[in-house]
PDB file of all heavy atoms in Angstrom:
ATOM      1  N   ASP A   1     -19.205  85.153  36.671  1.00  0.00           N
ATOM      2  CA  ASP A   1     -18.750  86.191  37.587  1.00  0.00           C
ATOM      3  C   ASP A   1     -18.668  85.670  39.018  1.00  0.00           C
ATOM      4  O   ASP A   1     -19.597  85.022  39.511  1.00  0.00           O
ATOM      5  CB  ASP A   1     -19.695  87.395  37.538  1.00  0.00           C
ATOM      6  CG  ASP A   1     -19.591  88.172  36.237  1.00  0.00           C
ATOM      7  OD1 ASP A   1     -18.614  87.943  35.498  1.00  0.00           O
ATOM      8  OD2 ASP A   1     -20.489  88.981  35.957  1.00  0.00           O
ATOM      9  N   GLY A   2     -17.572  85.979  39.669  1.00  0.00           N
ATOM     10  CA  GLY A   2     -17.391  85.576  41.054  1.00  0.00           C
ATOM     11  C   GLY A   2     -16.787  84.208  41.237  1.00  0.00           C
ATOM     12  O   GLY A   2     -16.436  83.818  42.352  1.00  0.00           O
ATOM     13  N   SER A   3     -16.660  83.465  40.156  1.00  0.00           N
ATOM     14  CA  SER A   3     -16.115  82.107  40.260  1.00  0.00           C
ATOM     15  C   SER A   3     -14.647  82.094  39.855  1.00  0.00           C
ATOM     16  O   SER A   3     -14.212  82.866  39.008  1.00  0.00           O
ATOM     17  CB  SER A   3     -16.883  81.140  39.362  1.00  0.00           C
ATOM     18  OG  SER A   3     -16.627  81.409  37.991  1.00  0.00           O
ATOM     19  N   CYS A   4     -13.885  81.239  40.499  1.00  0.00           N
ATOM     20  CA  CYS A   4     -12.488  81.005  40.167  1.00  0.00           C
ATOM     21  C   CYS A   4     -12.001  79.912  41.109  1.00  0.00           C
ATOM     22  O   CYS A   4     -12.695  79.533  42.058  1.00  0.00           O
ATOM     23  CB  CYS A   4     -11.635  82.269  40.337  1.00  0.00           C
ATOM     24  SG  CYS A   4     -11.634  82.977  42.003  1.00  0.00           S
ATOM     25  N   LEU A   5     -10.812  79.406  40.851  1.00  0.00           N
ATOM     26  CA  LEU A   5     -10.256  78.386  41.738  1.00  0.00           C
ATOM     27  C   LEU A   5     -10.155  78.921  43.161  1.00  0.00           C
ATOM     28  O   LEU A   5     -10.474  78.214  44.127  1.00  0.00           O
ATOM     29  CB  LEU A   5      -8.873  77.959  41.235  1.00  0.00           C
ATOM     30  CG  LEU A   5      -8.068  77.045  42.172  1.00  0.00           C
ATOM     31  CD1 LEU A   5      -8.829  75.761  42.486  1.00  0.00           C
ATOM     32  CD2 LEU A   5      -6.701  76.733  41.563  1.00  0.00           C
ATOM     33  N   LEU A   6      -9.732  80.172  43.317  1.00  0.00           N
ATOM     34  CA  LEU A   6      -9.572  80.725  44.660  1.00  0.00           C
ATOM     35  C   LEU A   6     -10.900  80.772  45.397  1.00  0.00           C
ATOM     36  O   LEU A   6     -10.962  80.522  46.606  1.00  0.00           O
ATOM     37  CB  LEU A   6      -8.962  82.124  44.585  1.00  0.00           C
ATOM     38  CG  LEU A   6      -8.474  82.673  45.931  1.00  0.00           C
ATOM     39  CD1 LEU A   6      -7.311  81.843  46.459  1.00  0.00           C
ATOM     40  CD2 LEU A   6      -8.071  84.137  45.806  1.00  0.00           C
ATOM     41  N   TYR A   7     -11.994  81.070  44.682  1.00  0.00           N
ATOM     42  CA  TYR A   7     -13.303  81.094  45.330  1.00  0.00           C
ATOM     43  C   TYR A   7     -13.705  79.691  45.788  1.00  0.00           C
ATOM     44  O   TYR A   7     -14.242  79.516  46.895  1.00  0.00           O
ATOM     45  CB  TYR A   7     -14.373  81.662  44.392  1.00  0.00           C
ATOM     46  CG  TYR A   7     -15.749  81.639  45.008  1.00  0.00           C
ATOM     47  CD1 TYR A   7     -16.057  82.472  46.084  1.00  0.00           C
ATOM     48  CD2 TYR A   7     -16.735  80.777  44.536  1.00  0.00           C
ATOM     49  CE1 TYR A   7     -17.319  82.444  46.672  1.00  0.00           C
ATOM     50  CE2 TYR A   7     -17.992  80.736  45.115  1.00  0.00           C
ATOM     51  CZ  TYR A   7     -18.280  81.569  46.180  1.00  0.00           C
ATOM     52  OH  TYR A   7     -19.523  81.539  46.777  1.00  0.00           O
ATOM     53  N   SER A   8     -13.443  78.691  44.956  1.00  0.00           N
ATOM     54  CA  SER A   8     -13.739  77.312  45.369  1.00  0.00           C
ATOM     55  C   SER A   8     -12.965  76.947  46.628  1.00  0.00           C
ATOM     56  O   SER A   8     -13.503  76.310  47.541  1.00  0.00           O
ATOM     57  CB  SER A   8     -13.390  76.332  44.243  1.00  0.00           C
ATOM     58  OG  SER A   8     -14.301  76.447  43.163  1.00  0.00           O
ATOM     59  N   MET A   9     -11.701  77.335  46.678  1.00  0.00           N
ATOM     60  CA  MET A   9     -10.898  77.082  47.868  1.00  0.00           C
ATOM     61  C   MET A   9     -11.460  77.833  49.072  1.00  0.00           C
ATOM     62  O   MET A   9     -11.575  77.280  50.172  1.00  0.00           O
ATOM     63  CB  MET A   9      -9.442  77.483  47.614  1.00  0.00           C
ATOM     64  CG  MET A   9      -8.772  76.701  46.499  1.00  0.00           C
ATOM     65  SD  MET A   9      -7.112  77.289  46.095  1.00  0.00           S
ATOM     66  CE  MET A   9      -6.176  76.595  47.466  1.00  0.00           C
ATOM     67  N   LYS A  10     -11.839  79.070  48.858  1.00  0.00           N
ATOM     68  CA  LYS A  10     -12.388  79.914  49.924  1.00  0.00           C
ATOM     69  C   LYS A  10     -13.652  79.294  50.524  1.00  0.00           C
ATOM     70  O   LYS A  10     -13.883  79.383  51.738  1.00  0.00           O
ATOM     71  CB  LYS A  10     -12.681  81.307  49.361  1.00  0.00           C
ATOM     72  CG  LYS A  10     -13.314  82.301  50.327  1.00  0.00           C
ATOM     73  CD  LYS A  10     -13.484  83.648  49.633  1.00  0.00           C
ATOM     74  CE  LYS A  10     -14.394  84.583  50.412  1.00  0.00           C
ATOM     75  NZ  LYS A  10     -13.827  84.939  51.730  1.00  0.00           N
ATOM     76  N   CYS A  11     -14.469  78.656  49.695  1.00  0.00           N
ATOM     77  CA  CYS A  11     -15.700  78.027  50.182  1.00  0.00           C
ATOM     78  C   CYS A  11     -15.412  76.906  51.178  1.00  0.00           C
ATOM     79  O   CYS A  11     -16.266  76.552  51.993  1.00  0.00           O
ATOM     80  CB  CYS A  11     -16.515  77.474  49.006  1.00  0.00           C
ATOM     81  SG  CYS A  11     -17.312  78.741  47.989  1.00  0.00           S
ATOM     82  N   ALA A  12     -14.201  76.338  51.100  1.00  0.00           N
ATOM     83  CA  ALA A  12     -13.828  75.230  51.986  1.00  0.00           C
ATOM     84  C   ALA A  12     -13.127  75.698  53.247  1.00  0.00           C
ATOM     85  O   ALA A  12     -12.668  74.876  54.049  1.00  0.00           O
ATOM     86  CB  ALA A  12     -12.934  74.245  51.227  1.00  0.00           C
ATOM     87  N   LYS A  13     -13.057  77.000  53.452  1.00  0.00           N
ATOM     88  CA  LYS A  13     -12.306  77.568  54.571  1.00  0.00           C
ATOM     89  C   LYS A  13     -12.734  76.998  55.919  1.00  0.00           C
ATOM     90  O   LYS A  13     -11.897  76.592  56.740  1.00  0.00           O
ATOM     91  CB  LYS A  13     -12.458  79.092  54.567  1.00  0.00           C
ATOM     92  CG  LYS A  13     -11.810  79.796  55.743  1.00  0.00           C
ATOM     93  CD  LYS A  13     -12.047  81.306  55.640  1.00  0.00           C
ATOM     94  CE  LYS A  13     -11.489  82.038  56.852  1.00  0.00           C
ATOM     95  NZ  LYS A  13     -11.715  83.514  56.741  1.00  0.00           N
ATOM     96  N   ASP A  14     -14.034  76.942  56.177  1.00  0.00           N
ATOM     97  CA  ASP A  14     -14.510  76.479  57.487  1.00  0.00           C
ATOM     98  C   ASP A  14     -14.152  75.023  57.742  1.00  0.00           C
ATOM     99  O   ASP A  14     -13.949  74.619  58.891  1.00  0.00           O
ATOM    100  CB  ASP A  14     -16.029  76.658  57.590  1.00  0.00           C
ATOM    101  CG  ASP A  14     -16.440  78.125  57.716  1.00  0.00           C
ATOM    102  OD1 ASP A  14     -15.562  78.970  57.986  1.00  0.00           O
ATOM    103  OD2 ASP A  14     -17.633  78.417  57.520  1.00  0.00           O
ATOM    104  N   ALA A  15     -14.064  74.236  56.681  1.00  0.00           N
ATOM    105  CA  ALA A  15     -13.739  72.808  56.820  1.00  0.00           C
ATOM    106  C   ALA A  15     -12.244  72.573  56.967  1.00  0.00           C
ATOM    107  O   ALA A  15     -11.820  71.457  57.275  1.00  0.00           O
ATOM    108  CB  ALA A  15     -14.266  72.033  55.619  1.00  0.00           C
ATOM    109  N   LEU A  16     -11.446  73.616  56.746  1.00  0.00           N
ATOM    110  CA  LEU A  16      -9.989  73.453  56.721  1.00  0.00           C
ATOM    111  C   LEU A  16      -9.311  74.370  57.731  1.00  0.00           C
ATOM    112  O   LEU A  16      -8.375  75.100  57.412  1.00  0.00           O
ATOM    113  CB  LEU A  16      -9.464  73.710  55.313  1.00  0.00           C
ATOM    114  CG  LEU A  16      -9.879  72.654  54.280  1.00  0.00           C
ATOM    115  CD1 LEU A  16      -9.629  73.150  52.860  1.00  0.00           C
ATOM    116  CD2 LEU A  16      -9.144  71.345  54.529  1.00  0.00           C
ATOM    117  N   GLN A  17      -9.772  74.298  58.953  1.00  0.00           N
ATOM    118  CA  GLN A  17      -9.129  75.021  60.046  1.00  0.00           C
ATOM    119  C   GLN A  17      -8.102  74.108  60.729  1.00  0.00           C
ATOM    120  O   GLN A  17      -8.164  73.828  61.930  1.00  0.00           O
ATOM    121  CB  GLN A  17     -10.178  75.529  61.022  1.00  0.00           C
ATOM    122  CG  GLN A  17     -11.087  76.600  60.445  1.00  0.00           C
ATOM    123  CD  GLN A  17     -10.310  77.824  59.972  1.00  0.00           C
ATOM    124  OE1 GLN A  17      -9.551  78.423  60.745  1.00  0.00           O
ATOM    125  NE2 GLN A  17     -10.500  78.213  58.722  1.00  0.00           N
ATOM    126  N   CYS A  18      -7.187  73.643  59.910  1.00  0.00           N
ATOM    127  CA  CYS A  18      -6.121  72.741  60.340  1.00  0.00           C
ATOM    128  C   CYS A  18      -5.111  72.687  59.205  1.00  0.00           C
ATOM    129  O   CYS A  18      -5.399  73.146  58.089  1.00  0.00           O
ATOM    130  CB  CYS A  18      -6.680  71.334  60.616  1.00  0.00           C
ATOM    131  SG  CYS A  18      -7.368  70.512  59.145  1.00  0.00           S
ATOM    132  N   PRO A  19      -3.932  72.138  59.427  1.00  0.00           N
ATOM    133  CA  PRO A  19      -3.009  71.953  58.300  1.00  0.00           C
ATOM    134  C   PRO A  19      -3.666  71.109  57.213  1.00  0.00           C
ATOM    135  O   PRO A  19      -4.449  70.191  57.508  1.00  0.00           O
ATOM    136  CB  PRO A  19      -1.825  71.221  58.941  1.00  0.00           C
ATOM    137  CG  PRO A  19      -1.867  71.628  60.376  1.00  0.00           C
ATOM    138  CD  PRO A  19      -3.328  71.723  60.709  1.00  0.00           C
ATOM    139  N   PHE A  20      -3.360  71.423  55.947  1.00  0.00           N
ATOM    140  CA  PHE A  20      -3.978  70.655  54.861  1.00  0.00           C
ATOM    141  C   PHE A  20      -3.093  70.683  53.619  1.00  0.00           C
ATOM    142  O   PHE A  20      -2.139  71.458  53.519  1.00  0.00           O
ATOM    143  CB  PHE A  20      -5.381  71.172  54.544  1.00  0.00           C
ATOM    144  CG  PHE A  20      -5.457  72.544  53.916  1.00  0.00           C
ATOM    145  CD1 PHE A  20      -5.579  72.703  52.550  1.00  0.00           C
ATOM    146  CD2 PHE A  20      -5.431  73.690  54.716  1.00  0.00           C
ATOM    147  CE1 PHE A  20      -5.664  73.962  51.971  1.00  0.00           C
ATOM    148  CE2 PHE A  20      -5.512  74.959  54.151  1.00  0.00           C
ATOM    149  CZ  PHE A  20      -5.635  75.090  52.778  1.00  0.00           C
ATOM    150  N   ILE A  21      -3.433  69.824  52.695  1.00  0.00           N
ATOM    151  CA  ILE A  21      -2.772  69.759  51.391  1.00  0.00           C
ATOM    152  C   ILE A  21      -3.790  70.126  50.327  1.00  0.00           C
ATOM    153  O   ILE A  21      -4.888  69.545  50.291  1.00  0.00           O
ATOM    154  CB  ILE A  21      -2.202  68.364  51.113  1.00  0.00           C
ATOM    155  CG1 ILE A  21      -1.072  68.035  52.093  1.00  0.00           C
ATOM    156  CG2 ILE A  21      -1.698  68.254  49.670  1.00  0.00           C
ATOM    157  CD1 ILE A  21      -0.602  66.594  52.027  1.00  0.00           C
ATOM    158  N   PHE A  22      -3.468  71.098  49.497  1.00  0.00           N
ATOM    159  CA  PHE A  22      -4.276  71.360  48.307  1.00  0.00           C
ATOM    160  C   PHE A  22      -3.707  70.519  47.178  1.00  0.00           C
ATOM    161  O   PHE A  22      -2.526  70.612  46.845  1.00  0.00           O
ATOM    162  CB  PHE A  22      -4.236  72.837  47.924  1.00  0.00           C
ATOM    163  CG  PHE A  22      -4.759  73.095  46.527  1.00  0.00           C
ATOM    164  CD1 PHE A  22      -6.056  72.765  46.184  1.00  0.00           C
ATOM    165  CD2 PHE A  22      -3.931  73.635  45.550  1.00  0.00           C
ATOM    166  CE1 PHE A  22      -6.535  72.973  44.895  1.00  0.00           C
ATOM    167  CE2 PHE A  22      -4.391  73.850  44.261  1.00  0.00           C
ATOM    168  CZ  PHE A  22      -5.699  73.521  43.930  1.00  0.00           C
ATOM    169  N   HIS A  23      -4.556  69.666  46.603  1.00  0.00           N
ATOM    170  CA  HIS A  23      -4.141  68.786  45.514  1.00  0.00           C
ATOM    171  C   HIS A  23      -5.102  69.011  44.352  1.00  0.00           C
ATOM    172  O   HIS A  23      -6.268  68.615  44.415  1.00  0.00           O
ATOM    173  CB  HIS A  23      -4.193  67.328  45.980  1.00  0.00           C
ATOM    174  CG  HIS A  23      -3.552  66.361  45.044  1.00  0.00           C
ATOM    175  ND1 HIS A  23      -2.731  65.337  45.469  1.00  0.00           N
ATOM    176  CD2 HIS A  23      -3.585  66.251  43.674  1.00  0.00           C
ATOM    177  CE1 HIS A  23      -2.314  64.635  44.431  1.00  0.00           C
ATOM    178  NE2 HIS A  23      -2.828  65.187  43.328  1.00  0.00           N
ATOM    179  N   ALA A  24      -4.630  69.694  43.315  1.00  0.00           N
ATOM    180  CA  ALA A  24      -5.475  69.945  42.143  1.00  0.00           C
ATOM    181  C   ALA A  24      -5.950  68.621  41.559  1.00  0.00           C
ATOM    182  O   ALA A  24      -5.169  67.668  41.449  1.00  0.00           O
ATOM    183  CB  ALA A  24      -4.697  70.741  41.096  1.00  0.00           C
ATOM    184  N   CYS A  25      -7.214  68.559  41.176  1.00  0.00           N
ATOM    185  CA  CYS A  25      -7.759  67.273  40.727  1.00  0.00           C
ATOM    186  C   CYS A  25      -7.341  66.923  39.300  1.00  0.00           C
ATOM    187  O   CYS A  25      -7.766  65.893  38.768  1.00  0.00           O
ATOM    188  CB  CYS A  25      -9.272  67.237  40.883  1.00  0.00           C
ATOM    189  SG  CYS A  25     -10.174  68.293  39.762  1.00  0.00           S
ATOM    190  N   ASP A  26      -6.494  67.748  38.677  1.00  0.00           N
ATOM    191  CA  ASP A  26      -5.933  67.382  37.377  1.00  0.00           C
ATOM    192  C   ASP A  26      -4.447  67.050  37.489  1.00  0.00           C
ATOM    193  O   ASP A  26      -3.727  67.057  36.495  1.00  0.00           O
ATOM    194  CB  ASP A  26      -6.173  68.473  36.326  1.00  0.00           C
ATOM    195  CG  ASP A  26      -5.620  69.839  36.744  1.00  0.00           C
ATOM    196  OD1 ASP A  26      -4.923  69.898  37.784  1.00  0.00           O
ATOM    197  OD2 ASP A  26      -5.897  70.816  36.042  1.00  0.00           O
ATOM    198  N   THR A  27      -3.996  66.754  38.704  1.00  0.00           N
ATOM    199  CA  THR A  27      -2.597  66.406  38.947  1.00  0.00           C
ATOM    200  C   THR A  27      -2.486  65.022  39.566  1.00  0.00           C
ATOM    201  O   THR A  27      -3.116  64.738  40.583  1.00  0.00           O
ATOM    202  CB  THR A  27      -1.938  67.432  39.892  1.00  0.00           C
ATOM    203  OG1 THR A  27      -1.654  68.627  39.161  1.00  0.00           O
ATOM    204  CG2 THR A  27      -0.636  66.912  40.466  1.00  0.00           C
ATOM    205  N   ILE A  28      -1.695  64.162  38.933  1.00  0.00           N
ATOM    206  CA  ILE A  28      -1.427  62.829  39.464  1.00  0.00           C
ATOM    207  C   ILE A  28       0.076  62.700  39.680  1.00  0.00           C
ATOM    208  O   ILE A  28       0.866  63.051  38.799  1.00  0.00           O
ATOM    209  CB  ILE A  28      -1.906  61.727  38.497  1.00  0.00           C
ATOM    210  CG1 ILE A  28      -3.422  61.799  38.296  1.00  0.00           C
ATOM    211  CG2 ILE A  28      -1.500  60.340  39.007  1.00  0.00           C
ATOM    212  CD1 ILE A  28      -3.938  60.865  37.215  1.00  0.00           C
ATOM    213  N   ILE A  29       0.459  62.226  40.840  1.00  0.00           N
ATOM    214  CA  ILE A  29       1.862  61.918  41.103  1.00  0.00           C
ATOM    215  C   ILE A  29       1.944  60.485  41.642  1.00  0.00           C
ATOM    216  O   ILE A  29       0.956  59.943  42.133  1.00  0.00           O
ATOM    217  CB  ILE A  29       2.520  62.933  42.059  1.00  0.00           C
ATOM    218  CG1 ILE A  29       1.743  63.062  43.371  1.00  0.00           C
ATOM    219  CG2 ILE A  29       2.624  64.291  41.397  1.00  0.00           C
ATOM    220  CD1 ILE A  29       2.248  62.169  44.436  1.00  0.00           C
ATOM    221  N   VAL A  30       3.110  59.875  41.520  1.00  0.00           N
ATOM    222  CA  VAL A  30       3.262  58.484  41.957  1.00  0.00           C
ATOM    223  C   VAL A  30       4.301  58.334  43.060  1.00  0.00           C
ATOM    224  O   VAL A  30       4.561  57.231  43.518  1.00  0.00           O
ATOM    225  CB  VAL A  30       3.617  57.565  40.761  1.00  0.00           C
ATOM    226  CG1 VAL A  30       2.489  57.540  39.751  1.00  0.00           C
ATOM    227  CG2 VAL A  30       4.919  58.010  40.091  1.00  0.00           C
ATOM    228  N   GLU A  31       4.873  59.444  43.494  1.00  0.00           N
ATOM    229  CA  GLU A  31       5.845  59.439  44.583  1.00  0.00           C
ATOM    230  C   GLU A  31       5.156  59.822  45.890  1.00  0.00           C
ATOM    231  O   GLU A  31       4.059  60.381  45.879  1.00  0.00           O
ATOM    232  CB  GLU A  31       6.971  60.427  44.264  1.00  0.00           C
ATOM    233  CG  GLU A  31       7.747  60.080  42.997  1.00  0.00           C
ATOM    234  CD  GLU A  31       8.559  61.253  42.489  1.00  0.00           C
ATOM    235  OE1 GLU A  31       9.515  61.642  43.176  1.00  0.00           O
ATOM    236  OE2 GLU A  31       8.221  61.790  41.422  1.00  0.00           O
ATOM    237  N   PRO A  32       5.788  59.513  47.033  1.00  0.00           N
ATOM    238  CA  PRO A  32       5.171  59.839  48.326  1.00  0.00           C
ATOM    239  C   PRO A  32       4.905  61.338  48.477  1.00  0.00           C
ATOM    240  O   PRO A  32       5.702  62.173  48.045  1.00  0.00           O
ATOM    241  CB  PRO A  32       6.216  59.359  49.337  1.00  0.00           C
ATOM    242  CG  PRO A  32       6.994  58.310  48.617  1.00  0.00           C
ATOM    243  CD  PRO A  32       7.053  58.760  47.189  1.00  0.00           C
ATOM    244  N   VAL A  33       3.785  61.660  49.102  1.00  0.00           N
ATOM    245  CA  VAL A  33       3.422  63.053  49.377  1.00  0.00           C
ATOM    246  C   VAL A  33       3.759  63.374  50.829  1.00  0.00           C
ATOM    247  O   VAL A  33       3.295  62.680  51.734  1.00  0.00           O
ATOM    248  CB  VAL A  33       1.918  63.285  49.137  1.00  0.00           C
ATOM    249  CG1 VAL A  33       1.541  64.731  49.458  1.00  0.00           C
ATOM    250  CG2 VAL A  33       1.539  62.936  47.702  1.00  0.00           C
ATOM    251  N   PRO A  34       4.556  64.401  51.079  1.00  0.00           N
ATOM    252  CA  PRO A  34       4.889  64.745  52.471  1.00  0.00           C
ATOM    253  C   PRO A  34       3.696  65.341  53.197  1.00  0.00           C
ATOM    254  O   PRO A  34       2.824  65.971  52.589  1.00  0.00           O
ATOM    255  CB  PRO A  34       6.012  65.769  52.325  1.00  0.00           C
ATOM    256  CG  PRO A  34       5.766  66.402  50.997  1.00  0.00           C
ATOM    257  CD  PRO A  34       5.218  65.309  50.116  1.00  0.00           C
ATOM    258  N   GLU A  35       3.650  65.142  54.496  1.00  0.00           N
ATOM    259  CA  GLU A  35       2.619  65.773  55.308  1.00  0.00           C
ATOM    260  C   GLU A  35       2.910  67.276  55.410  1.00  0.00           C
ATOM    261  O   GLU A  35       4.051  67.706  55.233  1.00  0.00           O
ATOM    262  CB  GLU A  35       2.597  65.149  56.704  1.00  0.00           C
ATOM    263  CG  GLU A  35       2.208  63.674  56.695  1.00  0.00           C
ATOM    264  CD  GLU A  35       2.210  63.076  58.096  1.00  0.00           C
ATOM    265  OE1 GLU A  35       2.657  63.767  59.047  1.00  0.00           O
ATOM    266  OE2 GLU A  35       1.761  61.928  58.246  1.00  0.00           O
ATOM    267  N   PRO A  36       1.891  68.065  55.702  1.00  0.00           N
ATOM    268  CA  PRO A  36       2.115  69.522  55.827  1.00  0.00           C
ATOM    269  C   PRO A  36       2.648  69.916  57.198  1.00  0.00           C
ATOM    270  O   PRO A  36       2.037  70.688  57.933  1.00  0.00           O
ATOM    271  CB  PRO A  36       0.717  70.096  55.562  1.00  0.00           C
ATOM    272  CG  PRO A  36      -0.215  69.033  56.055  1.00  0.00           C
ATOM    273  CD  PRO A  36       0.452  67.715  55.719  1.00  0.00           C
ATOM    274  N   THR A  37       3.816  69.378  57.540  1.00  0.00           N
ATOM    275  CA  THR A  37       4.469  69.760  58.789  1.00  0.00           C
ATOM    276  C   THR A  37       5.200  71.092  58.634  1.00  0.00           C
ATOM    277  O   THR A  37       5.715  71.633  59.603  1.00  0.00           O
ATOM    278  CB  THR A  37       5.468  68.681  59.239  1.00  0.00           C
ATOM    279  OG1 THR A  37       6.384  68.411  58.172  1.00  0.00           O
ATOM    280  CG2 THR A  37       4.728  67.390  59.596  1.00  0.00           C
ATOM    281  N   GLU A  38       5.267  71.595  57.417  1.00  0.00           N
ATOM    282  CA  GLU A  38       5.747  72.930  57.097  1.00  0.00           C
ATOM    283  C   GLU A  38       5.064  73.341  55.810  1.00  0.00           C
ATOM    284  O   GLU A  38       4.483  72.507  55.098  1.00  0.00           O
ATOM    285  CB  GLU A  38       7.270  72.948  56.936  1.00  0.00           C
ATOM    286  CG  GLU A  38       7.799  72.041  55.847  1.00  0.00           C
ATOM    287  CD  GLU A  38       9.317  72.019  55.800  1.00  0.00           C
ATOM    288  OE1 GLU A  38       9.939  73.055  56.067  1.00  0.00           O
ATOM    289  OE2 GLU A  38       9.887  70.947  55.506  1.00  0.00           O
ATOM    290  N   ASP A  39       5.105  74.606  55.494  1.00  0.00           N
ATOM    291  CA  ASP A  39       4.525  75.068  54.231  1.00  0.00           C
ATOM    292  C   ASP A  39       5.425  74.626  53.087  1.00  0.00           C
ATOM    293  O   ASP A  39       6.630  74.871  53.112  1.00  0.00           O
ATOM    294  CB  ASP A  39       4.403  76.597  54.246  1.00  0.00           C
ATOM    295  CG  ASP A  39       3.466  77.102  55.338  1.00  0.00           C
ATOM    296  OD1 ASP A  39       2.363  76.559  55.467  1.00  0.00           O
ATOM    297  OD2 ASP A  39       3.863  78.041  56.060  1.00  0.00           O
ATOM    298  N   TRP A  40       4.831  73.959  52.076  1.00  0.00           N
ATOM    299  CA  TRP A  40       5.641  73.509  50.944  1.00  0.00           C
ATOM    300  C   TRP A  40       4.888  73.660  49.628  1.00  0.00           C
ATOM    301  O   TRP A  40       3.664  73.730  49.604  1.00  0.00           O
ATOM    302  CB  TRP A  40       6.134  72.076  51.122  1.00  0.00           C
ATOM    303  CG  TRP A  40       5.114  70.988  51.381  1.00  0.00           C
ATOM    304  CD1 TRP A  40       4.827  70.409  52.584  1.00  0.00           C
ATOM    305  CD2 TRP A  40       4.283  70.309  50.424  1.00  0.00           C
ATOM    306  NE1 TRP A  40       3.865  69.426  52.440  1.00  0.00           N
ATOM    307  CE2 TRP A  40       3.527  69.350  51.121  1.00  0.00           C
ATOM    308  CE3 TRP A  40       4.102  70.427  49.039  1.00  0.00           C
ATOM    309  CZ2 TRP A  40       2.581  68.504  50.491  1.00  0.00           C
ATOM    310  CZ3 TRP A  40       3.172  69.606  48.408  1.00  0.00           C
ATOM    311  CH2 TRP A  40       2.435  68.661  49.126  1.00  0.00           C
ATOM    312  N   VAL A  41       5.654  73.706  48.559  1.00  0.00           N
ATOM    313  CA  VAL A  41       5.113  73.778  47.202  1.00  0.00           C
ATOM    314  C   VAL A  41       5.751  72.677  46.373  1.00  0.00           C
ATOM    315  O   VAL A  41       6.981  72.525  46.371  1.00  0.00           O
ATOM    316  CB  VAL A  41       5.400  75.149  46.548  1.00  0.00           C
ATOM    317  CG1 VAL A  41       4.913  75.161  45.097  1.00  0.00           C
ATOM    318  CG2 VAL A  41       4.727  76.274  47.332  1.00  0.00           C
ATOM    319  N   ALA A  42       4.928  71.907  45.687  1.00  0.00           N
ATOM    320  CA  ALA A  42       5.432  70.813  44.864  1.00  0.00           C
ATOM    321  C   ALA A  42       5.762  71.299  43.460  1.00  0.00           C
ATOM    322  O   ALA A  42       5.088  72.165  42.903  1.00  0.00           O
ATOM    323  CB  ALA A  42       4.394  69.688  44.781  1.00  0.00           C
ATOM    324  N   GLY A  43       6.823  70.714  42.890  1.00  0.00           N
ATOM    325  CA  GLY A  43       7.213  71.060  41.529  1.00  0.00           C
ATOM    326  C   GLY A  43       7.679  69.843  40.758  1.00  0.00           C
ATOM    327  O   GLY A  43       8.132  68.858  41.352  1.00  0.00           O
ATOM    328  N   PHE A  44       7.563  69.899  39.450  1.00  0.00           N
ATOM    329  CA  PHE A  44       8.022  68.831  38.563  1.00  0.00           C
ATOM    330  C   PHE A  44       9.350  69.248  37.961  1.00  0.00           C
ATOM    331  O   PHE A  44       9.477  70.308  37.364  1.00  0.00           O
ATOM    332  CB  PHE A  44       6.981  68.586  37.471  1.00  0.00           C
ATOM    333  CG  PHE A  44       7.386  67.554  36.460  1.00  0.00           C
ATOM    334  CD1 PHE A  44       7.741  66.276  36.850  1.00  0.00           C
ATOM    335  CD2 PHE A  44       7.397  67.865  35.108  1.00  0.00           C
ATOM    336  CE1 PHE A  44       8.111  65.325  35.912  1.00  0.00           C
ATOM    337  CE2 PHE A  44       7.750  66.918  34.167  1.00  0.00           C
ATOM    338  CZ  PHE A  44       8.109  65.646  34.569  1.00  0.00           C
TER     339      PHE A  44
END
């Protein structure tokens, strides 16, 4: 109860008071990752 991916992300809120990239730890890519100079969503 009370646990979920969103809660884990929420716990990191204070550490992420800046632009950031959320990268799920079960996702591997081999192409360049763009910086968060705008809001973006990655897709395969």
